[in-house]
Amino acid sequence: MGLAYHTSNALQGKKYPIAWREIDWAKVKQNVREIQIRIAKAATDGRWRDVRNLQRLLARSYSARLLAVRHVTEKRGKRTPGVDNELWSTPADKMKADLYPI
């Protein structure tokens, strides 16, 4: 069964899964981990321009944003509102938080 996707001009034509529970978390973690490994290799080799570009890629990647929202909303302290005084407790709220363009 495939994922349902949402596209809009505000999201620059990219495809994002609609349902929070349908996200393949193993794939999301793998995507983030691969970029982190590339950053470490570039730093070890002294390729600082690549390090900077990969860090920017990681910071703006949808997988990293999904993982960050999951970490904030499903770990200890999940009932503590952030600086905006909002709690993201429902899957719809979590997806809304992920879909904000950077």
PDB file of N, CA and C in Angstrom:
ATOM      1  N   MET A   1       0.845  -1.181   0.000  1.00  0.00           N
ATOM      2  CA  MET A   1       0.000   0.000   0.000  1.00  0.00           C
ATOM      3  C   MET A   1       0.885   1.237   0.000  1.00  0.00           C
ATOM      4  N   GLY A   2       0.687   2.118  -0.925  1.00  0.00           N
ATOM      5  CA  GLY A   2       1.513   3.305  -1.042  1.00  0.00           C
ATOM      6  C   GLY A   2       1.066   4.410  -0.123  1.00  0.00           C
ATOM      7  N   LEU A   3       1.914   5.394   0.039  1.00  0.00           N
ATOM      8  CA  LEU A   3       1.594   6.537   0.881  1.00  0.00           C
ATOM      9  C   LEU A   3       0.780   7.548   0.093  1.00  0.00           C
ATOM     10  N   ALA A   4      -0.083   8.246   0.774  1.00  0.00           N
ATOM     11  CA  ALA A   4      -0.785   9.370   0.171  1.00  0.00           C
ATOM     12  C   ALA A   4       0.131  10.579   0.288  1.00  0.00           C
ATOM     13  N   TYR A   5       0.199  11.370  -0.750  1.00  0.00           N
ATOM     14  CA  TYR A   5       1.106  12.504  -0.739  1.00  0.00           C
ATOM     15  C   TYR A   5       0.355  13.802  -0.960  1.00  0.00           C
ATOM     16  N   HIS A   6       0.901  14.862  -0.433  1.00  0.00           N
ATOM     17  CA  HIS A   6       0.339  16.189  -0.559  1.00  0.00           C
ATOM     18  C   HIS A   6       1.348  17.048  -1.310  1.00  0.00           C
ATOM     19  N   THR A   7       0.901  17.711  -2.344  1.00  0.00           N
ATOM     20  CA  THR A   7       1.784  18.640  -3.043  1.00  0.00           C
ATOM     21  C   THR A   7       1.087  19.986  -3.129  1.00  0.00           C
ATOM     22  N   SER A   8       1.852  21.044  -3.050  1.00  0.00           N
ATOM     23  CA  SER A   8       1.307  22.382  -3.226  1.00  0.00           C
ATOM     24  C   SER A   8       2.436  23.300  -3.653  1.00  0.00           C
ATOM     25  N   ASN A   9       2.069  24.456  -4.146  1.00  0.00           N
ATOM     26  CA  ASN A   9       3.083  25.418  -4.565  1.00  0.00           C
ATOM     27  C   ASN A   9       3.892  25.927  -3.380  1.00  0.00           C
ATOM     28  N   ALA A  10       3.261  26.010  -2.216  1.00  0.00           N
ATOM     29  CA  ALA A  10       3.963  26.482  -1.027  1.00  0.00           C
ATOM     30  C   ALA A  10       5.073  25.512  -0.633  1.00  0.00           C
ATOM     31  N   LEU A  11       4.916  24.237  -0.986  1.00  0.00           N
ATOM     32  CA  LEU A  11       5.925  23.238  -0.652  1.00  0.00           C
ATOM     33  C   LEU A  11       6.854  22.978  -1.825  1.00  0.00           C
ATOM     34  N   GLN A  12       6.806  23.838  -2.829  1.00  0.00           N
ATOM     35  CA  GLN A  12       7.705  23.793  -3.982  1.00  0.00           C
ATOM     36  C   GLN A  12       7.583  22.482  -4.747  1.00  0.00           C
ATOM     37  N   GLY A  13       6.379  21.938  -4.833  1.00  0.00           N
ATOM     38  CA  GLY A  13       6.133  20.757  -5.641  1.00  0.00           C
ATOM     39  C   GLY A  13       6.690  19.463  -5.085  1.00  0.00           C
ATOM     40  N   LYS A  14       7.208  19.482  -3.867  1.00  0.00           N
ATOM     41  CA  LYS A  14       7.754  18.270  -3.275  1.00  0.00           C
ATOM     42  C   LYS A  14       6.628  17.419  -2.718  1.00  0.00           C
ATOM     43  N   LYS A  15       6.883  16.135  -2.573  1.00  0.00           N
ATOM     44  CA  LYS A  15       5.873  15.225  -2.058  1.00  0.00           C
ATOM     45  C   LYS A  15       6.153  14.938  -0.590  1.00  0.00           C
ATOM     46  N   TYR A  16       5.123  15.094   0.222  1.00  0.00           N
ATOM     47  CA  TYR A  16       5.231  14.829   1.645  1.00  0.00           C
ATOM     48  C   TYR A  16       4.113  13.873   2.045  1.00  0.00           C
ATOM     49  N   PRO A  17       4.391  12.888   2.878  1.00  0.00           N
ATOM     50  CA  PRO A  17       3.328  11.977   3.315  1.00  0.00           C
ATOM     51  C   PRO A  17       2.309  12.727   4.165  1.00  0.00           C
ATOM     52  N   ILE A  18       1.049  12.351   4.016  1.00  0.00           N
ATOM     53  CA  ILE A  18      -0.017  13.033   4.737  1.00  0.00           C
ATOM     54  C   ILE A  18      -0.162  12.504   6.159  1.00  0.00           C
ATOM     55  N   ALA A  19      -0.080  11.213   6.356  1.00  0.00           N
ATOM     56  CA  ALA A  19      -0.360  10.633   7.663  1.00  0.00           C
ATOM     57  C   ALA A  19       0.924  10.396   8.459  1.00  0.00           C
ATOM     58  N   TRP A  20       0.934  10.881   9.702  1.00  0.00           N
ATOM     59  CA  TRP A  20       2.094  10.734  10.586  1.00  0.00           C
ATOM     60  C   TRP A  20       2.409   9.269  10.844  1.00  0.00           C
ATOM     61  N   ARG A  21       1.368   8.475  11.002  1.00  0.00           N
ATOM     62  CA  ARG A  21       1.563   7.057  11.329  1.00  0.00           C
ATOM     63  C   ARG A  21       2.041   6.224  10.145  1.00  0.00           C
ATOM     64  N   GLU A  22       1.994   6.768   8.937  1.00  0.00           N
ATOM     65  CA  GLU A  22       2.425   6.036   7.752  1.00  0.00           C
ATOM     66  C   GLU A  22       3.905   6.243   7.430  1.00  0.00           C
ATOM     67  N   ILE A  23       4.572   7.077   8.193  1.00  0.00           N
ATOM     68  CA  ILE A  23       5.974   7.392   7.911  1.00  0.00           C
ATOM     69  C   ILE A  23       6.846   6.182   8.215  1.00  0.00           C
ATOM     70  N   ASP A  24       7.741   5.877   7.305  1.00  0.00           N
ATOM     71  CA  ASP A  24       8.704   4.781   7.487  1.00  0.00           C
ATOM     72  C   ASP A  24       9.891   5.337   8.268  1.00  0.00           C
ATOM     73  N   TRP A  25       9.862   5.171   9.600  1.00  0.00           N
ATOM     74  CA  TRP A  25      10.872   5.788  10.462  1.00  0.00           C
ATOM     75  C   TRP A  25      12.254   5.211  10.242  1.00  0.00           C
ATOM     76  N   ALA A  26      12.338   3.955   9.868  1.00  0.00           N
ATOM     77  CA  ALA A  26      13.651   3.366   9.590  1.00  0.00           C
ATOM     78  C   ALA A  26      14.298   4.067   8.401  1.00  0.00           C
ATOM     79  N   LYS A  27      13.519   4.371   7.383  1.00  0.00           N
ATOM     80  CA  LYS A  27      14.043   5.060   6.200  1.00  0.00           C
ATOM     81  C   LYS A  27      14.434   6.501   6.538  1.00  0.00           C
ATOM     82  N   VAL A  28      13.619   7.149   7.371  1.00  0.00           N
ATOM     83  CA  VAL A  28      13.921   8.528   7.781  1.00  0.00           C
ATOM     84  C   VAL A  28      15.247   8.571   8.541  1.00  0.00           C
ATOM     85  N   LYS A  29      15.410   7.664   9.502  1.00  0.00           N
ATOM     86  CA  LYS A  29      16.663   7.613  10.264  1.00  0.00           C
ATOM     87  C   LYS A  29      17.848   7.295   9.369  1.00  0.00           C
ATOM     88  N   GLN A  30      17.644   6.413   8.398  1.00  0.00           N
ATOM     89  CA  GLN A  30      18.718   6.055   7.474  1.00  0.00           C
ATOM     90  C   GLN A  30      19.133   7.259   6.637  1.00  0.00           C
ATOM     91  N   ASN A  31      18.164   8.032   6.153  1.00  0.00           N
ATOM     92  CA  ASN A  31      18.476   9.228   5.366  1.00  0.00           C
ATOM     93  C   ASN A  31      19.319  10.214   6.167  1.00  0.00           C
ATOM     94  N   VAL A  32      18.916  10.466   7.406  1.00  0.00           N
ATOM     95  CA  VAL A  32      19.646  11.405   8.254  1.00  0.00           C
ATOM     96  C   VAL A  32      21.039  10.867   8.559  1.00  0.00           C
ATOM     97  N   ARG A  33      21.108   9.597   8.873  1.00  0.00           N
ATOM     98  CA  ARG A  33      22.404   8.979   9.210  1.00  0.00           C
ATOM     99  C   ARG A  33      23.375   9.037   8.032  1.00  0.00           C
ATOM    100  N   GLU A  34      22.877   8.818   6.816  1.00  0.00           N
ATOM    101  CA  GLU A  34      23.748   8.867   5.641  1.00  0.00           C
ATOM    102  C   GLU A  34      24.353  10.256   5.448  1.00  0.00           C
ATOM    103  N   ILE A  35      23.541  11.284   5.654  1.00  0.00           N
ATOM    104  CA  ILE A  35      24.070  12.653   5.527  1.00  0.00           C
ATOM    105  C   ILE A  35      25.079  12.930   6.633  1.00  0.00           C
ATOM    106  N   GLN A  36      24.808  12.466   7.849  1.00  0.00           N
ATOM    107  CA  GLN A  36      25.745  12.665   8.951  1.00  0.00           C
ATOM    108  C   GLN A  36      27.077  11.973   8.671  1.00  0.00           C
ATOM    109  N   ILE A  37      27.030  10.800   8.086  1.00  0.00           N
ATOM    110  CA  ILE A  37      28.260  10.079   7.733  1.00  0.00           C
ATOM    111  C   ILE A  37      29.032  10.841   6.666  1.00  0.00           C
ATOM    112  N   ARG A  38      28.315  11.380   5.689  1.00  0.00           N
ATOM    113  CA  ARG A  38      28.978  12.169   4.641  1.00  0.00           C
ATOM    114  C   ARG A  38      29.646  13.405   5.224  1.00  0.00           C
ATOM    115  N   ILE A  39      28.995  14.034   6.219  1.00  0.00           N
ATOM    116  CA  ILE A  39      29.582  15.209   6.871  1.00  0.00           C
ATOM    117  C   ILE A  39      30.864  14.811   7.598  1.00  0.00           C
ATOM    118  N   ALA A  40      30.826  13.699   8.323  1.00  0.00           N
ATOM    119  CA  ALA A  40      32.007  13.253   9.072  1.00  0.00           C
ATOM    120  C   ALA A  40      33.157  12.918   8.129  1.00  0.00           C
ATOM    121  N   LYS A  41      32.873  12.256   7.019  1.00  0.00           N
ATOM    122  CA  LYS A  41      33.929  11.917   6.058  1.00  0.00           C
ATOM    123  C   LYS A  41      34.536  13.160   5.431  1.00  0.00           C
ATOM    124  N   ALA A  42      33.681  14.123   5.081  1.00  0.00           N
ATOM    125  CA  ALA A  42      34.187  15.356   4.493  1.00  0.00           C
ATOM    126  C   ALA A  42      35.050  16.121   5.491  1.00  0.00           C
ATOM    127  N   ALA A  43      34.647  16.144   6.762  1.00  0.00           N
ATOM    128  CA  ALA A  43      35.439  16.834   7.787  1.00  0.00           C
ATOM    129  C   ALA A  43      36.780  16.143   7.991  1.00  0.00           C
ATOM    130  N   THR A  44      36.767  14.815   7.982  1.00  0.00           N
ATOM    131  CA  THR A  44      38.011  14.059   8.148  1.00  0.00           C
ATOM    132  C   THR A  44      38.974  14.338   7.012  1.00  0.00           C
ATOM    133  N   ASP A  45      38.418  14.491   5.798  1.00  0.00           N
ATOM    134  CA  ASP A  45      39.251  14.761   4.620  1.00  0.00           C
ATOM    135  C   ASP A  45      39.621  16.230   4.477  1.00  0.00           C
ATOM    136  N   GLY A  46      39.075  17.084   5.323  1.00  0.00           N
ATOM    137  CA  GLY A  46      39.389  18.505   5.253  1.00  0.00           C
ATOM    138  C   GLY A  46      38.641  19.239   4.156  1.00  0.00           C
ATOM    139  N   ARG A  47      37.546  18.683   3.662  1.00  0.00           N
ATOM    140  CA  ARG A  47      36.746  19.332   2.619  1.00  0.00           C
ATOM    141  C   ARG A  47      35.683  20.203   3.296  1.00  0.00           C
ATOM    142  N   TRP A  48      36.097  21.390   3.725  1.00  0.00           N
ATOM    143  CA  TRP A  48      35.249  22.227   4.567  1.00  0.00           C
ATOM    144  C   TRP A  48      34.080  22.830   3.812  1.00  0.00           C
ATOM    145  N   ARG A  49      34.223  23.086   2.530  1.00  0.00           N
ATOM    146  CA  ARG A  49      33.088  23.579   1.742  1.00  0.00           C
ATOM    147  C   ARG A  49      32.001  22.514   1.667  1.00  0.00           C
ATOM    148  N   ASP A  50      32.420  21.255   1.465  1.00  0.00           N
ATOM    149  CA  ASP A  50      31.451  20.156   1.437  1.00  0.00           C
ATOM    150  C   ASP A  50      30.783  19.979   2.800  1.00  0.00           C
ATOM    151  N   VAL A  51      31.563  20.157   3.869  1.00  0.00           N
ATOM    152  CA  VAL A  51      30.999  20.053   5.217  1.00  0.00           C
ATOM    153  C   VAL A  51      29.898  21.086   5.393  1.00  0.00           C
ATOM    154  N   ARG A  52      30.177  22.314   5.016  1.00  0.00           N
ATOM    155  CA  ARG A  52      29.194  23.388   5.158  1.00  0.00           C
ATOM    156  C   ARG A  52      27.946  23.104   4.322  1.00  0.00           C
ATOM    157  N   ASN A  53      28.150  22.665   3.078  1.00  0.00           N
ATOM    158  CA  ASN A  53      27.012  22.383   2.207  1.00  0.00           C
ATOM    159  C   ASN A  53      26.191  21.199   2.711  1.00  0.00           C
ATOM    160  N   LEU A  54      26.855  20.182   3.217  1.00  0.00           N
ATOM    161  CA  LEU A  54      26.135  19.023   3.746  1.00  0.00           C
ATOM    162  C   LEU A  54      25.392  19.355   5.031  1.00  0.00           C
ATOM    163  N   GLN A  55      25.984  20.216   5.860  1.00  0.00           N
ATOM    164  CA  GLN A  55      25.286  20.649   7.066  1.00  0.00           C
ATOM    165  C   GLN A  55      24.019  21.421   6.707  1.00  0.00           C
ATOM    166  N   ARG A  56      24.120  22.248   5.683  1.00  0.00           N
ATOM    167  CA  ARG A  56      22.945  22.981   5.221  1.00  0.00           C
ATOM    168  C   ARG A  56      21.898  22.012   4.665  1.00  0.00           C
ATOM    169  N   LEU A  57      22.358  21.019   3.913  1.00  0.00           N
ATOM    170  CA  LEU A  57      21.447  19.999   3.387  1.00  0.00           C
ATOM    171  C   LEU A  57      20.733  19.268   4.515  1.00  0.00           C
ATOM    172  N   LEU A  58      21.471  18.893   5.549  1.00  0.00           N
ATOM    173  CA  LEU A  58      20.878  18.189   6.684  1.00  0.00           C
ATOM    174  C   LEU A  58      19.873  19.075   7.417  1.00  0.00           C
ATOM    175  N   ALA A  59      20.223  20.319   7.633  1.00  0.00           N
ATOM    176  CA  ALA A  59      19.342  21.229   8.367  1.00  0.00           C
ATOM    177  C   ALA A  59      18.037  21.476   7.621  1.00  0.00           C
ATOM    178  N   ARG A  60      18.069  21.417   6.310  1.00  0.00           N
ATOM    179  CA  ARG A  60      16.882  21.697   5.510  1.00  0.00           C
ATOM    180  C   ARG A  60      16.179  20.445   5.010  1.00  0.00           C
ATOM    181  N   SER A  61      16.714  19.288   5.317  1.00  0.00           N
ATOM    182  CA  SER A  61      16.117  18.061   4.796  1.00  0.00           C
ATOM    183  C   SER A  61      14.812  17.736   5.518  1.00  0.00           C
ATOM    184  N   TYR A  62      13.888  17.187   4.774  1.00  0.00           N
ATOM    185  CA  TYR A  62      12.588  16.834   5.334  1.00  0.00           C
ATOM    186  C   TYR A  62      12.733  15.703   6.344  1.00  0.00           C
ATOM    187  N   SER A  63      13.636  14.766   6.090  1.00  0.00           N
ATOM    188  CA  SER A  63      13.848  13.659   7.024  1.00  0.00           C
ATOM    189  C   SER A  63      14.330  14.163   8.373  1.00  0.00           C
ATOM    190  N   ALA A  64      15.245  15.123   8.367  1.00  0.00           N
ATOM    191  CA  ALA A  64      15.754  15.670   9.625  1.00  0.00           C
ATOM    192  C   ALA A  64      14.649  16.403  10.375  1.00  0.00           C
ATOM    193  N   ARG A  65      13.796  17.107   9.644  1.00  0.00           N
ATOM    194  CA  ARG A  65      12.691  17.814  10.291  1.00  0.00           C
ATOM    195  C   ARG A  65      11.703  16.830  10.898  1.00  0.00           C
ATOM    196  N   LEU A  66      11.394  15.762  10.164  1.00  0.00           N
ATOM    197  CA  LEU A  66      10.501  14.743  10.711  1.00  0.00           C
ATOM    198  C   LEU A  66      11.070  14.150  11.989  1.00  0.00           C
ATOM    199  N   LEU A  67      12.345  13.814  11.945  1.00  0.00           N
ATOM    200  CA  LEU A  67      12.986  13.202  13.103  1.00  0.00           C
ATOM    201  C   LEU A  67      13.036  14.166  14.284  1.00  0.00           C
ATOM    202  N   ALA A  68      13.270  15.449  14.021  1.00  0.00           N
ATOM    203  CA  ALA A  68      13.312  16.451  15.085  1.00  0.00           C
ATOM    204  C   ALA A  68      11.947  16.597  15.745  1.00  0.00           C
ATOM    205  N   VAL A  69      10.890  16.665  14.947  1.00  0.00           N
ATOM    206  CA  VAL A  69       9.543  16.788  15.514  1.00  0.00           C
ATOM    207  C   VAL A  69       9.190  15.534  16.293  1.00  0.00           C
ATOM    208  N   ARG A  70       9.570  14.372  15.779  1.00  0.00           N
ATOM    209  CA  ARG A  70       9.297  13.124  16.504  1.00  0.00           C
ATOM    210  C   ARG A  70      10.026  13.118  17.843  1.00  0.00           C
ATOM    211  N   HIS A  71      11.276  13.560  17.834  1.00  0.00           N
ATOM    212  CA  HIS A  71      12.063  13.579  19.063  1.00  0.00           C
ATOM    213  C   HIS A  71      11.433  14.508  20.104  1.00  0.00           C
ATOM    214  N   VAL A  72      10.998  15.673  19.675  1.00  0.00           N
ATOM    215  CA  VAL A  72      10.431  16.658  20.589  1.00  0.00           C
ATOM    216  C   VAL A  72       9.073  16.211  21.115  1.00  0.00           C
ATOM    217  N   THR A  73       8.282  15.538  20.289  1.00  0.00           N
ATOM    218  CA  THR A  73       6.907  15.233  20.665  1.00  0.00           C
ATOM    219  C   THR A  73       6.717  13.860  21.294  1.00  0.00           C
ATOM    220  N   GLU A  74       7.691  12.984  21.187  1.00  0.00           N
ATOM    221  CA  GLU A  74       7.481  11.632  21.690  1.00  0.00           C
ATOM    222  C   GLU A  74       8.489  11.210  22.753  1.00  0.00           C
ATOM    223  N   LYS A  75       9.338  12.086  23.169  1.00  0.00           N
ATOM    224  CA  LYS A  75      10.323  11.763  24.200  1.00  0.00           C
ATOM    225  C   LYS A  75       9.934  12.422  25.511  1.00  0.00           C
ATOM    226  N   ARG A  76      10.785  12.258  26.498  1.00  0.00           N
ATOM    227  CA  ARG A  76      10.556  12.874  27.800  1.00  0.00           C
ATOM    228  C   ARG A  76      10.449  14.383  27.634  1.00  0.00           C
ATOM    229  N   GLY A  77       9.512  14.988  28.309  1.00  0.00           N
ATOM    230  CA  GLY A  77       9.296  16.428  28.187  1.00  0.00           C
ATOM    231  C   GLY A  77       8.314  16.785  27.096  1.00  0.00           C
ATOM    232  N   LYS A  78       7.631  15.789  26.539  1.00  0.00           N
ATOM    233  CA  LYS A  78       6.714  16.049  25.440  1.00  0.00           C
ATOM    234  C   LYS A  78       5.511  16.890  25.855  1.00  0.00           C
ATOM    235  N   ARG A  79       5.242  16.991  27.140  1.00  0.00           N
ATOM    236  CA  ARG A  79       4.122  17.791  27.614  1.00  0.00           C
ATOM    237  C   ARG A  79       4.534  19.223  27.949  1.00  0.00           C
ATOM    238  N   THR A  80       5.778  19.559  27.675  1.00  0.00           N
ATOM    239  CA  THR A  80       6.286  20.894  27.936  1.00  0.00           C
ATOM    240  C   THR A  80       6.204  21.711  26.650  1.00  0.00           C
ATOM    241  N   PRO A  81       5.434  22.790  26.642  1.00  0.00           N
ATOM    242  CA  PRO A  81       5.332  23.590  25.421  1.00  0.00           C
ATOM    243  C   PRO A  81       6.649  24.302  25.122  1.00  0.00           C
ATOM    244  N   GLY A  82       6.854  24.586  23.855  1.00  0.00           N
ATOM    245  CA  GLY A  82       8.062  25.277  23.433  1.00  0.00           C
ATOM    246  C   GLY A  82       7.923  26.777  23.591  1.00  0.00           C
ATOM    247  N   VAL A  83       8.782  27.516  22.921  1.00  0.00           N
ATOM    248  CA  VAL A  83       8.782  28.970  23.046  1.00  0.00           C
ATOM    249  C   VAL A  83       7.506  29.588  22.490  1.00  0.00           C
ATOM    250  N   ASP A  84       6.819  28.873  21.596  1.00  0.00           N
ATOM    251  CA  ASP A  84       5.584  29.387  21.031  1.00  0.00           C
ATOM    252  C   ASP A  84       4.358  29.024  21.877  1.00  0.00           C
ATOM    253  N   ASN A  85       4.577  28.339  23.001  1.00  0.00           N
ATOM    254  CA  ASN A  85       3.523  27.933  23.931  1.00  0.00           C
ATOM    255  C   ASN A  85       2.523  26.974  23.301  1.00  0.00           C
ATOM    256  N   GLU A  86       2.956  26.164  22.343  1.00  0.00           N
ATOM    257  CA  GLU A  86       2.093  25.198  21.686  1.00  0.00           C
ATOM    258  C   GLU A  86       2.579  23.781  21.967  1.00  0.00           C
ATOM    259  N   LEU A  87       1.623  22.870  22.059  1.00  0.00           N
ATOM    260  CA  LEU A  87       1.928  21.451  22.164  1.00  0.00           C
ATOM    261  C   LEU A  87       1.468  20.770  20.887  1.00  0.00           C
ATOM    262  N   TRP A  88       2.264  19.864  20.373  1.00  0.00           N
ATOM    263  CA  TRP A  88       1.891  19.084  19.193  1.00  0.00           C
ATOM    264  C   TRP A  88       1.605  17.673  19.675  1.00  0.00           C
ATOM    265  N   SER A  89       0.359  17.406  20.014  1.00  0.00           N
ATOM    266  CA  SER A  89       0.028  16.115  20.595  1.00  0.00           C
ATOM    267  C   SER A  89      -0.650  15.176  19.609  1.00  0.00           C
ATOM    268  N   THR A  90      -1.337  15.710  18.611  1.00  0.00           N
ATOM    269  CA  THR A  90      -2.016  14.849  17.648  1.00  0.00           C
ATOM    270  C   THR A  90      -1.141  14.655  16.413  1.00  0.00           C
ATOM    271  N   PRO A  91      -1.331  13.563  15.695  1.00  0.00           N
ATOM    272  CA  PRO A  91      -0.567  13.359  14.457  1.00  0.00           C
ATOM    273  C   PRO A  91      -0.755  14.497  13.458  1.00  0.00           C
ATOM    274  N   ALA A  92      -1.954  15.068  13.397  1.00  0.00           N
ATOM    275  CA  ALA A  92      -2.201  16.177  12.471  1.00  0.00           C
ATOM    276  C   ALA A  92      -1.361  17.399  12.853  1.00  0.00           C
ATOM    277  N   ASP A  93      -1.253  17.677  14.145  1.00  0.00           N
ATOM    278  CA  ASP A  93      -0.421  18.799  14.596  1.00  0.00           C
ATOM    279  C   ASP A  93       1.044  18.572  14.248  1.00  0.00           C
ATOM    280  N   LYS A  94       1.492  17.334  14.397  1.00  0.00           N
ATOM    281  CA  LYS A  94       2.884  17.008  14.092  1.00  0.00           C
ATOM    282  C   LYS A  94       3.174  17.185  12.609  1.00  0.00           C
ATOM    283  N   MET A  95       2.252  16.761  11.760  1.00  0.00           N
ATOM    284  CA  MET A  95       2.450  16.922  10.330  1.00  0.00           C
ATOM    285  C   MET A  95       2.415  18.394   9.939  1.00  0.00           C
ATOM    286  N   LYS A  96       1.530  19.158  10.586  1.00  0.00           N
ATOM    287  CA  LYS A  96       1.457  20.590  10.303  1.00  0.00           C
ATOM    288  C   LYS A  96       2.781  21.261  10.656  1.00  0.00           C
ATOM    289  N   ALA A  97       3.390  20.833  11.745  1.00  0.00           N
ATOM    290  CA  ALA A  97       4.679  21.398  12.148  1.00  0.00           C
ATOM    291  C   ALA A  97       5.756  21.071  11.129  1.00  0.00           C
ATOM    292  N   ASP A  98       5.702  19.883  10.536  1.00  0.00           N
ATOM    293  CA  ASP A  98       6.700  19.468   9.551  1.00  0.00           C
ATOM    294  C   ASP A  98       6.524  20.161   8.217  1.00  0.00           C
ATOM    295  N   LEU A  99       5.319  20.553   7.894  1.00  0.00           N
ATOM    296  CA  LEU A  99       5.050  21.089   6.557  1.00  0.00           C
ATOM    297  C   LEU A  99       5.346  22.566   6.418  1.00  0.00           C
ATOM    298  N   TYR A 100       5.717  23.235   7.521  1.00  0.00           N
ATOM    299  CA  TYR A 100       6.082  24.638   7.388  1.00  0.00           C
ATOM    300  C   TYR A 100       7.330  24.761   6.534  1.00  0.00           C
ATOM    301  N   PRO A 101       7.281  25.555   5.463  1.00  0.00           N
ATOM    302  CA  PRO A 101       8.484  25.705   4.648  1.00  0.00           C
ATOM    303  C   PRO A 101       9.587  26.426   5.393  1.00  0.00           C
ATOM    304  N   ILE A 102      10.787  26.049   5.101  1.00  0.00           N
ATOM    305  CA  ILE A 102      11.951  26.661   5.765  1.00  0.00           C
ATOM    306  C   ILE A 102      12.323  27.938   5.043  1.00  0.00           C
TER     307      ILE A 102
END
